[in-house]
Amino acid sequence: MIDLALWWVILLIALSVFMFFVLILVILLIIVKRANTRSKNSLQTKIQTRIARDREKVKQRMDRDRERLGLTKKKEQPITLTSKSPKEKLFIDQTNNQETISKTKMSLYLKEEDKIQKIKEILIEFRMNVPVQISRIVQLSNLPEKEVIDYIKRLITNGVIIGDFLELENVFIKTSQFKPKSEITCFFCGNPITALNSKCTKCQREVIKCSVCKLPISFGEEVGKCSLCEASAHLNHLQEWVKTQGKCPYCLQELPEEGIFIENRDEMKK
């Protein structure tokens, strides 16, 4: 009887120790899960804040460019006709339809820019030379995988993000965030500048920025211009954009490939 009672006591002690370790393990798992959730929410909040800030900067830059190119629309007086003829009604309807289409195109363009900025901010957060599964980027961006891959390819092609996309492995590897500062120079005099400069520190000319990648156009690079609004861009960027989108990235009007004209530095100085 004494041996049996002793065995029962030992068994109860062993079960108590086992339950204690199980409880500790459960607590650790809960702590790790909460920490991961908090880290993910913090990253998404940081990304959303940067996207909002960058989008506001893009809008301000677009407004300044429109004012510089004289594309700012003046307020039109409302058309008031006491008796409208069929031709006048047709003209008013066509005008209203064109304005609606322009607003719709601008809205779609801004939505797409917002998505691209979102992917850009996510890629910036990753460490260099570390393979990242596309499924991870899809999870963070809440965008379809096809769109994510397309935006990543665009960012790499335009030189905004320096990295590689491996299609077979479905993996992105970032090798750098931005172009080295030494690669960005004034288009007119070749003086080194940064992407944040609005004017060259040497010749005091306004920095010419690409309407596709939003980065300065450096000395010696080919410049392409829209024949409709004369917006400037890297020639290869504008050709690729028009080839895939069929419209100008700035004024959003339909633009054929032959509607792009090349302009050299001497012509732009005038």
C-alpha atoms as a PDB file:
ATOM      1  CA  MET A   1       0.000   0.000   0.000  1.00  0.00           C
ATOM      2  CA  ILE A   2       2.811   2.427   0.843  1.00  0.00           C
ATOM      3  CA  ASP A   3       4.550   1.730  -2.485  1.00  0.00           C
ATOM      4  CA  LEU A   4       1.297   2.281  -4.413  1.00  0.00           C
ATOM      5  CA  ALA A   5       0.654   5.596  -2.662  1.00  0.00           C
ATOM      6  CA  LEU A   6       4.248   6.673  -3.356  1.00  0.00           C
ATOM      7  CA  TRP A   7       3.829   5.924  -7.060  1.00  0.00           C
ATOM      8  CA  TRP A   8       0.604   7.961  -7.161  1.00  0.00           C
ATOM      9  CA  VAL A   9       2.381  10.925  -5.530  1.00  0.00           C
ATOM     10  CA  ILE A  10       5.241  10.700  -8.069  1.00  0.00           C
ATOM     11  CA  LEU A  11       2.739  10.507 -10.954  1.00  0.00           C
ATOM     12  CA  LEU A  12       0.853  13.592  -9.702  1.00  0.00           C
ATOM     13  CA  ILE A  13       4.105  15.552  -9.348  1.00  0.00           C
ATOM     14  CA  ALA A  14       5.177  14.579 -12.890  1.00  0.00           C
ATOM     15  CA  LEU A  15       1.793  15.623 -14.302  1.00  0.00           C
ATOM     16  CA  SER A  16       1.987  18.935 -12.441  1.00  0.00           C
ATOM     17  CA  VAL A  17       5.455  19.658 -13.862  1.00  0.00           C
ATOM     18  CA  PHE A  18       4.274  18.710 -17.366  1.00  0.00           C
ATOM     19  CA  MET A  19       1.200  20.978 -17.130  1.00  0.00           C
ATOM     20  CA  PHE A  20       3.412  23.811 -15.860  1.00  0.00           C
ATOM     21  CA  PHE A  21       5.705  23.600 -18.907  1.00  0.00           C
ATOM     22  CA  VAL A  22       2.706  23.350 -21.260  1.00  0.00           C
ATOM     23  CA  LEU A  23       1.254  26.508 -19.694  1.00  0.00           C
ATOM     24  CA  ILE A  24       4.586  28.346 -20.113  1.00  0.00           C
ATOM     25  CA  LEU A  25       4.741  27.256 -23.785  1.00  0.00           C
ATOM     26  CA  VAL A  26       1.185  28.499 -24.453  1.00  0.00           C
ATOM     27  CA  ILE A  27       1.962  31.863 -22.848  1.00  0.00           C
ATOM     28  CA  LEU A  28       5.118  32.234 -24.976  1.00  0.00           C
ATOM     29  CA  LEU A  29       3.168  31.421 -28.165  1.00  0.00           C
ATOM     30  CA  ILE A  30       0.534  34.059 -27.307  1.00  0.00           C
ATOM     31  CA  ILE A  31       3.247  36.671 -26.656  1.00  0.00           C
ATOM     32  CA  VAL A  32       4.992  35.910 -29.979  1.00  0.00           C
ATOM     33  CA  LYS A  33       1.694  36.055 -31.910  1.00  0.00           C
ATOM     34  CA  ARG A  34       0.775  39.425 -30.388  1.00  0.00           C
ATOM     35  CA  ALA A  35       4.240  40.800 -31.126  1.00  0.00           C
ATOM     36  CA  ASN A  36       3.985  39.734 -34.791  1.00  0.00           C
ATOM     37  CA  THR A  37       0.521  41.290 -35.103  1.00  0.00           C
ATOM     38  CA  ARG A  38       1.727  44.534 -33.531  1.00  0.00           C
ATOM     39  CA  SER A  39       4.781  44.611 -35.836  1.00  0.00           C
ATOM     40  CA  LYS A  40       2.614  44.034 -38.934  1.00  0.00           C
ATOM     41  CA  ASN A  41       0.128  46.753 -37.939  1.00  0.00           C
ATOM     42  CA  SER A  42       3.003  49.162 -37.259  1.00  0.00           C
ATOM     43  CA  LEU A  43       4.531  48.437 -40.692  1.00  0.00           C
ATOM     44  CA  GLN A  44       1.202  48.935 -42.500  1.00  0.00           C
ATOM     45  CA  THR A  45       0.584  52.212 -40.636  1.00  0.00           C
ATOM     46  CA  LYS A  46       4.061  53.440 -41.562  1.00  0.00           C
ATOM     47  CA  ILE A  47       3.505  52.475 -45.213  1.00  0.00           C
ATOM     48  CA  GLN A  48       0.105  54.226 -45.362  1.00  0.00           C
ATOM     49  CA  THR A  49       1.620  57.391 -43.861  1.00  0.00           C
ATOM     50  CA  ARG A  50       4.444  57.463 -46.423  1.00  0.00           C
ATOM     51  CA  ILE A  51       2.009  56.806 -49.275  1.00  0.00           C
ATOM     52  CA  ALA A  52      -0.202  59.725 -48.210  1.00  0.00           C
ATOM     53  CA  ARG A  53       2.821  62.021 -47.917  1.00  0.00           C
ATOM     54  CA  ASP A  54       4.265  60.967 -51.299  1.00  0.00           C
ATOM     55  CA  ARG A  55       0.887  61.271 -52.993  1.00  0.00           C
ATOM     56  CA  GLU A  56       0.490  64.829 -51.700  1.00  0.00           C
ATOM     57  CA  LYS A  57       3.977  65.687 -53.004  1.00  0.00           C
ATOM     58  CA  VAL A  58       3.102  64.224 -56.422  1.00  0.00           C
ATOM     59  CA  LYS A  59      -0.090  66.321 -56.582  1.00  0.00           C
ATOM     60  CA  GLN A  60       1.785  69.496 -55.642  1.00  0.00           C
ATOM     61  CA  ARG A  61       4.484  68.750 -58.247  1.00  0.00           C
ATOM     62  CA  MET A  62       1.853  68.125 -60.925  1.00  0.00           C
ATOM     63  CA  ASP A  63       0.117  71.416 -60.070  1.00  0.00           C
ATOM     64  CA  ARG A  64       3.418  73.311 -60.308  1.00  0.00           C
ATOM     65  CA  ASP A  65       4.237  71.653 -63.641  1.00  0.00           C
ATOM     66  CA  ARG A  66       0.804  72.526 -65.023  1.00  0.00           C
ATOM     67  CA  GLU A  67       1.242  76.162 -63.997  1.00  0.00           C
ATOM     68  CA  ARG A  68       4.738  76.244 -65.545  1.00  0.00           C
ATOM     69  CA  LEU A  69       3.486  74.791 -68.836  1.00  0.00           C
ATOM     70  CA  GLY A  70       0.402  77.020 -68.843  1.00  0.00           C
ATOM     71  CA  LEU A  71      -2.017  74.100 -68.647  1.00  0.00           C
ATOM     72  CA  THR A  72      -3.985  75.451 -65.692  1.00  0.00           C
ATOM     73  CA  LYS A  73      -7.590  75.748 -66.742  1.00  0.00           C
ATOM     74  CA  LYS A  74      -9.374  79.003 -66.144  1.00  0.00           C
ATOM     75  CA  LYS A  75     -12.777  78.939 -64.565  1.00  0.00           C
ATOM     76  CA  GLU A  76     -15.327  78.818 -67.313  1.00  0.00           C
ATOM     77  CA  GLN A  77     -18.562  80.725 -67.033  1.00  0.00           C
ATOM     78  CA  PRO A  78     -21.597  78.436 -66.982  1.00  0.00           C
ATOM     79  CA  ILE A  79     -23.391  78.255 -70.298  1.00  0.00           C
ATOM     80  CA  THR A  80     -26.897  79.619 -69.931  1.00  0.00           C
ATOM     81  CA  LEU A  81     -29.108  79.464 -72.995  1.00  0.00           C
ATOM     82  CA  THR A  82     -32.719  80.465 -72.934  1.00  0.00           C
ATOM     83  CA  SER A  83     -33.560  78.364 -75.953  1.00  0.00           C
ATOM     84  CA  LYS A  84     -31.107  75.662 -76.960  1.00  0.00           C
ATOM     85  CA  SER A  85     -30.996  74.439 -80.507  1.00  0.00           C
ATOM     86  CA  PRO A  86     -30.259  70.738 -81.183  1.00  0.00           C
ATOM     87  CA  LYS A  87     -26.692  71.622 -82.217  1.00  0.00           C
ATOM     88  CA  GLU A  88     -26.126  73.612 -79.029  1.00  0.00           C
ATOM     89  CA  LYS A  89     -27.513  70.775 -76.899  1.00  0.00           C
ATOM     90  CA  LEU A  90     -25.260  68.292 -78.701  1.00  0.00           C
ATOM     91  CA  PHE A  91     -22.212  70.558 -78.166  1.00  0.00           C
ATOM     92  CA  ILE A  92     -22.977  70.928 -74.423  1.00  0.00           C
ATOM     93  CA  ASP A  93     -23.496  67.165 -74.047  1.00  0.00           C
ATOM     94  CA  GLN A  94     -20.205  66.423 -75.809  1.00  0.00           C
ATOM     95  CA  THR A  95     -18.361  68.965 -73.622  1.00  0.00           C
ATOM     96  CA  ASN A  96     -19.813  67.446 -70.449  1.00  0.00           C
ATOM     97  CA  ASN A  97     -18.947  63.931 -71.639  1.00  0.00           C
ATOM     98  CA  GLN A  98     -15.339  64.954 -72.364  1.00  0.00           C
ATOM     99  CA  GLU A  99     -14.996  66.513 -68.893  1.00  0.00           C
ATOM    100  CA  THR A 100     -16.430  63.363 -67.294  1.00  0.00           C
ATOM    101  CA  ILE A 101     -14.038  61.148 -69.271  1.00  0.00           C
ATOM    102  CA  SER A 102     -11.049  63.354 -68.305  1.00  0.00           C
ATOM    103  CA  LYS A 103     -12.015  63.221 -64.615  1.00  0.00           C
ATOM    104  CA  THR A 104     -12.423  59.440 -64.817  1.00  0.00           C
ATOM    105  CA  LYS A 105      -9.011  59.029 -66.461  1.00  0.00           C
ATOM    106  CA  MET A 106      -7.372  61.261 -63.851  1.00  0.00           C
ATOM    107  CA  SER A 107      -9.048  59.302 -61.044  1.00  0.00           C
ATOM    108  CA  LEU A 108      -7.828  55.982 -62.485  1.00  0.00           C
ATOM    109  CA  TYR A 109      -4.330  57.407 -62.940  1.00  0.00           C
ATOM    110  CA  LEU A 110      -4.171  58.605 -59.323  1.00  0.00           C
ATOM    111  CA  LYS A 111      -5.423  55.229 -58.067  1.00  0.00           C
ATOM    112  CA  GLU A 112      -2.722  53.468 -60.048  1.00  0.00           C
ATOM    113  CA  GLU A 113      -0.076  55.900 -58.776  1.00  0.00           C
ATOM    114  CA  ASP A 114      -1.299  55.217 -55.240  1.00  0.00           C
ATOM    115  CA  LYS A 115      -0.858  51.464 -55.736  1.00  0.00           C
ATOM    116  CA  ILE A 116       2.632  51.926 -57.204  1.00  0.00           C
ATOM    117  CA  GLN A 117       3.640  54.139 -54.271  1.00  0.00           C
ATOM    118  CA  LYS A 118       2.304  51.492 -51.883  1.00  0.00           C
ATOM    119  CA  ILE A 119       4.414  48.752 -53.491  1.00  0.00           C
ATOM    120  CA  LYS A 120       7.429  51.094 -53.528  1.00  0.00           C
ATOM    121  CA  GLU A 121       7.145  51.791 -49.781  1.00  0.00           C
ATOM    122  CA  ILE A 122       6.813  48.068 -49.043  1.00  0.00           C
ATOM    123  CA  LEU A 123       9.920  47.214 -51.089  1.00  0.00           C
ATOM    124  CA  ILE A 124      11.929  49.972 -49.385  1.00  0.00           C
ATOM    125  CA  GLU A 125      11.258  48.363 -45.985  1.00  0.00           C
ATOM    126  CA  PHE A 126      12.882  45.057 -47.001  1.00  0.00           C
ATOM    127  CA  ARG A 127      16.545  44.427 -46.369  1.00  0.00           C
ATOM    128  CA  MET A 128      18.963  44.311 -49.286  1.00  0.00           C
ATOM    129  CA  ASN A 129      20.056  41.001 -50.847  1.00  0.00           C
ATOM    130  CA  VAL A 130      17.325  39.073 -48.974  1.00  0.00           C
ATOM    131  CA  PRO A 131      14.895  37.067 -51.168  1.00  0.00           C
ATOM    132  CA  VAL A 132      11.263  38.017 -50.515  1.00  0.00           C
ATOM    133  CA  GLN A 133       8.373  35.860 -51.682  1.00  0.00           C
ATOM    134  CA  ILE A 134       5.770  37.686 -53.799  1.00  0.00           C
ATOM    135  CA  SER A 135       3.065  36.192 -51.581  1.00  0.00           C
ATOM    136  CA  ARG A 136       4.509  38.223 -48.676  1.00  0.00           C
ATOM    137  CA  ILE A 137       4.248  41.469 -50.690  1.00  0.00           C
ATOM    138  CA  VAL A 138       0.689  40.533 -51.744  1.00  0.00           C
ATOM    139  CA  GLN A 139      -0.222  40.011 -48.092  1.00  0.00           C
ATOM    140  CA  LEU A 140       1.166  43.416 -47.061  1.00  0.00           C
ATOM    141  CA  SER A 141      -0.328  45.366 -49.977  1.00  0.00           C
ATOM    142  CA  ASN A 142      -3.723  43.620 -50.217  1.00  0.00           C
ATOM    143  CA  LEU A 143      -3.391  43.767 -54.017  1.00  0.00           C
ATOM    144  CA  PRO A 144      -3.771  40.956 -56.579  1.00  0.00           C
ATOM    145  CA  GLU A 145      -0.572  39.049 -57.295  1.00  0.00           C
ATOM    146  CA  LYS A 146      -0.687  39.951 -61.011  1.00  0.00           C
ATOM    147  CA  GLU A 147      -0.787  43.695 -60.226  1.00  0.00           C
ATOM    148  CA  VAL A 148       1.999  43.371 -57.636  1.00  0.00           C
ATOM    149  CA  ILE A 149       4.299  41.649 -60.144  1.00  0.00           C
ATOM    150  CA  ASP A 150       3.488  44.259 -62.823  1.00  0.00           C
ATOM    151  CA  TYR A 151       4.237  47.178 -60.472  1.00  0.00           C
ATOM    152  CA  ILE A 152       7.487  45.578 -59.268  1.00  0.00           C
ATOM    153  CA  LYS A 153       8.658  45.147 -62.877  1.00  0.00           C
ATOM    154  CA  ARG A 154       7.770  48.786 -63.617  1.00  0.00           C
ATOM    155  CA  LEU A 155       9.666  50.081 -60.581  1.00  0.00           C
ATOM    156  CA  ILE A 156      12.726  48.039 -61.574  1.00  0.00           C
ATOM    157  CA  THR A 157      12.500  49.095 -65.257  1.00  0.00           C
ATOM    158  CA  ASN A 158      12.164  52.785 -64.359  1.00  0.00           C
ATOM    159  CA  GLY A 159      15.106  52.598 -61.947  1.00  0.00           C
ATOM    160  CA  VAL A 160      13.064  53.654 -58.902  1.00  0.00           C
ATOM    161  CA  ILE A 161      13.985  50.438 -57.070  1.00  0.00           C
ATOM    162  CA  ILE A 162      17.208  48.609 -57.885  1.00  0.00           C
ATOM    163  CA  GLY A 163      16.649  44.877 -57.648  1.00  0.00           C
ATOM    164  CA  ASP A 164      15.803  41.635 -59.446  1.00  0.00           C
ATOM    165  CA  PHE A 165      12.531  39.768 -59.930  1.00  0.00           C
ATOM    166  CA  LEU A 166      12.995  36.012 -60.406  1.00  0.00           C
ATOM    167  CA  GLU A 167       9.917  34.716 -62.229  1.00  0.00           C
ATOM    168  CA  LEU A 168      10.562  30.995 -61.782  1.00  0.00           C
ATOM    169  CA  GLU A 169      11.088  31.321 -58.023  1.00  0.00           C
ATOM    170  CA  ASN A 170       8.444  34.110 -57.766  1.00  0.00           C
ATOM    171  CA  VAL A 171      10.897  36.071 -55.606  1.00  0.00           C
ATOM    172  CA  PHE A 172      12.038  39.703 -55.419  1.00  0.00           C
ATOM    173  CA  ILE A 173      15.569  40.602 -54.288  1.00  0.00           C
ATOM    174  CA  LYS A 174      16.404  44.250 -53.552  1.00  0.00           C
ATOM    175  CA  THR A 175      20.007  45.185 -54.237  1.00  0.00           C
ATOM    176  CA  SER A 176      19.637  48.929 -53.541  1.00  0.00           C
ATOM    177  CA  GLN A 177      16.900  51.448 -52.775  1.00  0.00           C
ATOM    178  CA  PHE A 178      17.615  54.300 -55.137  1.00  0.00           C
ATOM    179  CA  LYS A 179      20.129  55.269 -57.759  1.00  0.00           C
ATOM    180  CA  PRO A 180      23.418  56.430 -56.264  1.00  0.00           C
ATOM    181  CA  LYS A 181      23.557  60.191 -55.854  1.00  0.00           C
ATOM    182  CA  SER A 182      26.552  60.377 -58.180  1.00  0.00           C
ATOM    183  CA  GLU A 183      24.379  59.144 -61.066  1.00  0.00           C
ATOM    184  CA  ILE A 184      21.963  62.094 -60.817  1.00  0.00           C
ATOM    185  CA  THR A 185      23.277  65.275 -62.454  1.00  0.00           C
ATOM    186  CA  CYS A 186      21.887  68.535 -63.799  1.00  0.00           C
ATOM    187  CA  PHE A 187      20.594  68.052 -67.342  1.00  0.00           C
ATOM    188  CA  PHE A 188      22.085  71.376 -68.517  1.00  0.00           C
ATOM    189  CA  CYS A 189      25.510  71.620 -66.851  1.00  0.00           C
ATOM    190  CA  GLY A 190      26.228  68.131 -65.475  1.00  0.00           C
ATOM    191  CA  ASN A 191      26.578  69.345 -61.880  1.00  0.00           C
ATOM    192  CA  PRO A 192      25.832  66.558 -59.319  1.00  0.00           C
ATOM    193  CA  ILE A 193      22.421  67.000 -57.664  1.00  0.00           C
ATOM    194  CA  THR A 194      19.992  64.956 -55.575  1.00  0.00           C
ATOM    195  CA  ALA A 195      16.453  63.841 -56.358  1.00  0.00           C
ATOM    196  CA  LEU A 196      15.186  66.461 -53.888  1.00  0.00           C
ATOM    197  CA  ASN A 197      16.702  69.477 -55.681  1.00  0.00           C
ATOM    198  CA  SER A 198      14.251  71.697 -57.578  1.00  0.00           C
ATOM    199  CA  LYS A 199      17.051  73.876 -59.019  1.00  0.00           C
ATOM    200  CA  CYS A 200      20.659  73.194 -59.932  1.00  0.00           C
ATOM    201  CA  THR A 201      23.059  74.613 -57.348  1.00  0.00           C
ATOM    202  CA  LYS A 202      25.505  75.634 -60.097  1.00  0.00           C
ATOM    203  CA  CYS A 203      23.576  76.974 -63.110  1.00  0.00           C
ATOM    204  CA  GLN A 204      20.386  77.763 -61.156  1.00  0.00           C
ATOM    205  CA  ARG A 205      18.227  76.196 -63.871  1.00  0.00           C
ATOM    206  CA  GLU A 206      15.120  74.277 -62.914  1.00  0.00           C
ATOM    207  CA  VAL A 207      15.717  70.529 -62.595  1.00  0.00           C
ATOM    208  CA  ILE A 208      13.983  68.629 -65.418  1.00  0.00           C
ATOM    209  CA  LYS A 209      12.152  65.642 -63.966  1.00  0.00           C
ATOM    210  CA  CYS A 210      10.760  62.590 -65.717  1.00  0.00           C
ATOM    211  CA  SER A 211       6.951  62.498 -65.771  1.00  0.00           C
ATOM    212  CA  VAL A 212       7.069  58.675 -65.572  1.00  0.00           C
ATOM    213  CA  CYS A 213       9.593  57.811 -62.830  1.00  0.00           C
ATOM    214  CA  LYS A 214       9.513  61.288 -61.173  1.00  0.00           C
ATOM    215  CA  LEU A 215      13.340  61.367 -60.963  1.00  0.00           C
ATOM    216  CA  PRO A 216      15.606  64.080 -62.465  1.00  0.00           C
ATOM    217  CA  ILE A 217      16.781  63.673 -66.051  1.00  0.00           C
ATOM    218  CA  SER A 218      20.581  63.672 -65.912  1.00  0.00           C
ATOM    219  CA  PHE A 219      23.199  65.203 -68.209  1.00  0.00           C
ATOM    220  CA  GLY A 220      23.531  63.285 -71.469  1.00  0.00           C
ATOM    221  CA  GLU A 221      20.268  61.351 -71.122  1.00  0.00           C
ATOM    222  CA  GLU A 222      17.785  61.424 -74.009  1.00  0.00           C
ATOM    223  CA  VAL A 223      14.616  63.422 -73.400  1.00  0.00           C
ATOM    224  CA  GLY A 224      11.243  62.536 -74.890  1.00  0.00           C
ATOM    225  CA  LYS A 225       8.355  65.010 -74.978  1.00  0.00           C
ATOM    226  CA  CYS A 226       4.626  64.615 -75.405  1.00  0.00           C
ATOM    227  CA  SER A 227       3.506  66.399 -78.575  1.00  0.00           C
ATOM    228  CA  LEU A 228       0.223  67.352 -76.861  1.00  0.00           C
ATOM    229  CA  CYS A 229       1.300  68.917 -73.538  1.00  0.00           C
ATOM    230  CA  GLU A 230       5.131  68.978 -73.947  1.00  0.00           C
ATOM    231  CA  ALA A 231       5.674  67.067 -70.690  1.00  0.00           C
ATOM    232  CA  SER A 232       9.276  65.821 -70.435  1.00  0.00           C
ATOM    233  CA  ALA A 233      10.457  62.327 -69.531  1.00  0.00           C
ATOM    234  CA  HIS A 234      13.318  59.913 -70.063  1.00  0.00           C
ATOM    235  CA  LEU A 235      12.916  58.876 -73.689  1.00  0.00           C
ATOM    236  CA  ASN A 236      12.972  55.123 -72.979  1.00  0.00           C
ATOM    237  CA  HIS A 237      10.565  55.537 -70.032  1.00  0.00           C
ATOM    238  CA  LEU A 238       8.075  57.538 -72.107  1.00  0.00           C
ATOM    239  CA  GLN A 239       8.287  55.106 -75.034  1.00  0.00           C
ATOM    240  CA  GLU A 240       7.684  52.129 -72.735  1.00  0.00           C
ATOM    241  CA  TRP A 241       4.806  53.912 -70.989  1.00  0.00           C
ATOM    242  CA  VAL A 242       3.070  54.901 -74.241  1.00  0.00           C
ATOM    243  CA  LYS A 243       3.647  51.431 -75.657  1.00  0.00           C
ATOM    244  CA  THR A 244       1.813  49.789 -72.710  1.00  0.00           C
ATOM    245  CA  GLN A 245      -0.670  52.507 -71.703  1.00  0.00           C
ATOM    246  CA  GLY A 246      -1.371  54.262 -74.995  1.00  0.00           C
ATOM    247  CA  LYS A 247      -1.539  57.705 -73.377  1.00  0.00           C
ATOM    248  CA  CYS A 248       0.623  60.491 -71.976  1.00  0.00           C
ATOM    249  CA  PRO A 249       1.560  59.928 -68.285  1.00  0.00           C
ATOM    250  CA  TYR A 250       1.042  63.642 -67.552  1.00  0.00           C
ATOM    251  CA  CYS A 251      -2.002  64.936 -69.475  1.00  0.00           C
ATOM    252  CA  LEU A 252      -3.530  61.425 -69.867  1.00  0.00           C
ATOM    253  CA  GLN A 253      -4.541  62.112 -73.464  1.00  0.00           C
ATOM    254  CA  GLU A 254      -4.246  59.355 -76.045  1.00  0.00           C
ATOM    255  CA  LEU A 255      -0.751  59.459 -77.497  1.00  0.00           C
ATOM    256  CA  PRO A 256       0.634  57.272 -80.326  1.00  0.00           C
ATOM    257  CA  GLU A 257       4.306  56.286 -80.306  1.00  0.00           C
ATOM    258  CA  GLU A 258       4.973  58.628 -83.225  1.00  0.00           C
ATOM    259  CA  GLY A 259       3.569  61.455 -81.065  1.00  0.00           C
ATOM    260  CA  ILE A 260       6.776  61.396 -78.986  1.00  0.00           C
ATOM    261  CA  PHE A 261       9.468  63.782 -80.167  1.00  0.00           C
ATOM    262  CA  ILE A 262      13.095  63.875 -79.025  1.00  0.00           C
ATOM    263  CA  GLU A 263      14.504  67.160 -77.738  1.00  0.00           C
ATOM    264  CA  ASN A 264      18.157  67.918 -77.093  1.00  0.00           C
ATOM    265  CA  ARG A 265      19.739  70.088 -74.412  1.00  0.00           C
ATOM    266  CA  ASP A 266      20.390  73.073 -76.719  1.00  0.00           C
ATOM    267  CA  GLU A 267      16.723  73.318 -77.718  1.00  0.00           C
ATOM    268  CA  MET A 268      15.604  73.181 -74.058  1.00  0.00           C
ATOM    269  CA  LYS A 269      17.997  75.995 -73.082  1.00  0.00           C
ATOM    270  CA  LYS A 270      16.206  78.437 -75.352  1.00  0.00           C
END
